[in-house]
Amino acid sequence: MDDATRTELEAAAFRALRAHLMEARPEVQNIDLMNMAGFCRNCLSRWYQEAATERGIDMTKDQARDIFYGMPYADWIAANQTDADPAKQAAFAEAIKAHQG
């Protein structure tokens, strides 16, 4: 497989993952994703920003989130995010420690 085709397939897989998280499963909370998988929508938007920066494209964290979420992040939170109970918050603290090494 040539590099251009591989890049196209990777981009298609990213778009499918984004659509799944944003459209098919918006009820899945970021904290649950972090606790179970070690990444969430915010990580994906950060990776998007980092890829832009590597290519010399200036992009802020908020701009990347707006692109990934398809709306201002505050609007996404208001429409989809629920409060995390203490057990989820404790698991998140542990997940962050493990993720950071």
C-alpha atoms as a PDB file:
ATOM      1  CA  MET A   1       0.000   0.000   0.000  1.00  0.00           C
ATOM      2  CA  ASP A   2       1.383   3.407  -0.887  1.00  0.00           C
ATOM      3  CA  ASP A   3       1.737   6.190   1.697  1.00  0.00           C
ATOM      4  CA  ALA A   4      -1.020   8.372   0.229  1.00  0.00           C
ATOM      5  CA  THR A   5      -3.555   5.536   0.388  1.00  0.00           C
ATOM      6  CA  ARG A   6      -2.486   4.647   3.936  1.00  0.00           C
ATOM      7  CA  THR A   7      -2.921   8.296   4.979  1.00  0.00           C
ATOM      8  CA  GLU A   8      -6.375   8.408   3.356  1.00  0.00           C
ATOM      9  CA  LEU A   9      -7.431   5.247   5.193  1.00  0.00           C
ATOM     10  CA  GLU A  10      -6.090   6.553   8.511  1.00  0.00           C
ATOM     11  CA  ALA A  11      -7.960   9.829   7.998  1.00  0.00           C
ATOM     12  CA  ALA A  12     -11.157   7.921   7.201  1.00  0.00           C
ATOM     13  CA  ALA A  13     -10.742   5.840  10.360  1.00  0.00           C
ATOM     14  CA  PHE A  14     -10.236   9.031  12.412  1.00  0.00           C
ATOM     15  CA  ARG A  15     -13.393  10.562  10.908  1.00  0.00           C
ATOM     16  CA  ALA A  16     -15.334   7.383  11.702  1.00  0.00           C
ATOM     17  CA  LEU A  17     -14.074   7.404  15.306  1.00  0.00           C
ATOM     18  CA  ARG A  18     -14.989  11.077  15.676  1.00  0.00           C
ATOM     19  CA  ALA A  19     -18.455  10.508  14.213  1.00  0.00           C
ATOM     20  CA  HIS A  20     -19.000   7.527  16.485  1.00  0.00           C
ATOM     21  CA  LEU A  21     -18.048   9.482  19.615  1.00  0.00           C
ATOM     22  CA  MET A  22     -19.831  12.687  18.640  1.00  0.00           C
ATOM     23  CA  GLU A  23     -22.940  11.440  16.847  1.00  0.00           C
ATOM     24  CA  ALA A  24     -23.570   7.799  17.675  1.00  0.00           C
ATOM     25  CA  ARG A  25     -22.446   7.839  21.325  1.00  0.00           C
ATOM     26  CA  PRO A  26     -22.470  11.404  22.705  1.00  0.00           C
ATOM     27  CA  GLU A  27     -23.826  10.059  26.003  1.00  0.00           C
ATOM     28  CA  VAL A  28     -20.511   8.323  26.713  1.00  0.00           C
ATOM     29  CA  GLN A  29     -18.746  10.643  29.112  1.00  0.00           C
ATOM     30  CA  ASN A  30     -15.147  11.746  28.589  1.00  0.00           C
ATOM     31  CA  ILE A  31     -14.281  10.688  32.136  1.00  0.00           C
ATOM     32  CA  ASP A  32     -15.508   7.163  31.375  1.00  0.00           C
ATOM     33  CA  LEU A  33     -13.408   7.059  28.213  1.00  0.00           C
ATOM     34  CA  MET A  34     -10.364   8.239  30.159  1.00  0.00           C
ATOM     35  CA  ASN A  35     -10.932   5.744  32.946  1.00  0.00           C
ATOM     36  CA  MET A  36     -11.420   2.814  30.585  1.00  0.00           C
ATOM     37  CA  ALA A  37      -9.297   3.622  27.541  1.00  0.00           C
ATOM     38  CA  GLY A  38      -6.797   6.244  28.686  1.00  0.00           C
ATOM     39  CA  PHE A  39      -7.977   8.822  26.158  1.00  0.00           C
ATOM     40  CA  CYS A  40     -11.081  10.887  25.432  1.00  0.00           C
ATOM     41  CA  ARG A  41     -12.456  13.446  23.007  1.00  0.00           C
ATOM     42  CA  ASN A  42     -10.221  16.126  24.530  1.00  0.00           C
ATOM     43  CA  CYS A  43      -7.166  13.957  23.873  1.00  0.00           C
ATOM     44  CA  LEU A  44      -8.217  13.567  20.253  1.00  0.00           C
ATOM     45  CA  SER A  45      -8.616  17.330  19.895  1.00  0.00           C
ATOM     46  CA  ARG A  46      -5.193  17.830  21.517  1.00  0.00           C
ATOM     47  CA  TRP A  47      -3.610  15.324  19.116  1.00  0.00           C
ATOM     48  CA  TYR A  48      -5.252  17.234  16.269  1.00  0.00           C
ATOM     49  CA  GLN A  49      -3.711  20.467  17.583  1.00  0.00           C
ATOM     50  CA  GLU A  50      -0.304  18.816  17.964  1.00  0.00           C
ATOM     51  CA  ALA A  51      -0.475  17.532  14.370  1.00  0.00           C
ATOM     52  CA  ALA A  52      -1.285  21.059  13.187  1.00  0.00           C
ATOM     53  CA  THR A  53       1.603  22.511  15.176  1.00  0.00           C
ATOM     54  CA  GLU A  54       4.009  19.915  13.738  1.00  0.00           C
ATOM     55  CA  ARG A  55       3.002  21.160  10.300  1.00  0.00           C
ATOM     56  CA  GLY A  56       3.534  24.831  11.168  1.00  0.00           C
ATOM     57  CA  ILE A  57      -0.177  25.616  11.592  1.00  0.00           C
ATOM     58  CA  ASP A  58      -0.935  27.855  14.559  1.00  0.00           C
ATOM     59  CA  MET A  59      -3.879  26.439  16.464  1.00  0.00           C
ATOM     60  CA  THR A  60      -4.952  26.987  20.040  1.00  0.00           C
ATOM     61  CA  LYS A  61      -6.390  24.317  22.307  1.00  0.00           C
ATOM     62  CA  ASP A  62      -9.792  26.011  22.047  1.00  0.00           C
ATOM     63  CA  GLN A  63      -9.639  26.133  18.251  1.00  0.00           C
ATOM     64  CA  ALA A  64      -8.784  22.443  18.102  1.00  0.00           C
ATOM     65  CA  ARG A  65     -11.634  21.594  20.454  1.00  0.00           C
ATOM     66  CA  ASP A  66     -14.083  23.664  18.409  1.00  0.00           C
ATOM     67  CA  ILE A  67     -12.980  21.788  15.275  1.00  0.00           C
ATOM     68  CA  PHE A  68     -13.173  18.362  16.884  1.00  0.00           C
ATOM     69  CA  TYR A  69     -16.426  18.960  18.766  1.00  0.00           C
ATOM     70  CA  GLY A  70     -17.990  20.799  15.822  1.00  0.00           C
ATOM     71  CA  MET A  71     -19.122  23.523  18.224  1.00  0.00           C
ATOM     72  CA  PRO A  72     -17.726  25.549  21.087  1.00  0.00           C
ATOM     73  CA  TYR A  73     -16.574  23.194  23.833  1.00  0.00           C
ATOM     74  CA  ALA A  74     -18.770  24.962  26.402  1.00  0.00           C
ATOM     75  CA  ASP A  75     -21.818  24.156  24.247  1.00  0.00           C
ATOM     76  CA  TRP A  76     -20.832  20.474  24.117  1.00  0.00           C
ATOM     77  CA  ILE A  77     -20.431  20.386  27.891  1.00  0.00           C
ATOM     78  CA  ALA A  78     -23.822  22.022  28.440  1.00  0.00           C
ATOM     79  CA  ALA A  79     -25.556  19.611  26.081  1.00  0.00           C
ATOM     80  CA  ASN A  80     -23.796  16.344  26.915  1.00  0.00           C
ATOM     81  CA  GLN A  81     -21.653  16.294  30.034  1.00  0.00           C
ATOM     82  CA  THR A  82     -22.950  15.061  33.352  1.00  0.00           C
ATOM     83  CA  ASP A  83     -21.400  15.408  36.790  1.00  0.00           C
ATOM     84  CA  ALA A  84     -18.969  12.657  37.697  1.00  0.00           C
ATOM     85  CA  ASP A  85     -19.549  10.906  40.995  1.00  0.00           C
ATOM     86  CA  PRO A  86     -16.704  10.602  43.534  1.00  0.00           C
ATOM     87  CA  ALA A  87     -15.848   7.060  42.431  1.00  0.00           C
ATOM     88  CA  LYS A  88     -15.374   8.162  38.809  1.00  0.00           C
ATOM     89  CA  GLN A  89     -13.317  11.139  39.943  1.00  0.00           C
ATOM     90  CA  ALA A  90     -11.070   8.882  42.049  1.00  0.00           C
ATOM     91  CA  ALA A  91     -10.646   6.456  39.142  1.00  0.00           C
ATOM     92  CA  PHE A  92      -9.803   9.407  36.893  1.00  0.00           C
ATOM     93  CA  ALA A  93      -7.096  10.598  39.311  1.00  0.00           C
ATOM     94  CA  GLU A  94      -5.554   7.119  39.205  1.00  0.00           C
ATOM     95  CA  ALA A  95      -5.867   6.913  35.420  1.00  0.00           C
ATOM     96  CA  ILE A  96      -4.077  10.251  35.031  1.00  0.00           C
ATOM     97  CA  LYS A  97      -1.232   9.058  37.280  1.00  0.00           C
ATOM     98  CA  ALA A  98      -0.866   5.880  35.226  1.00  0.00           C
ATOM     99  CA  HIS A  99      -1.090   7.787  31.946  1.00  0.00           C
ATOM    100  CA  GLN A 100       1.605  10.250  32.988  1.00  0.00           C
ATOM    101  CA  GLY A 101       3.922   7.448  34.005  1.00  0.00           C
END
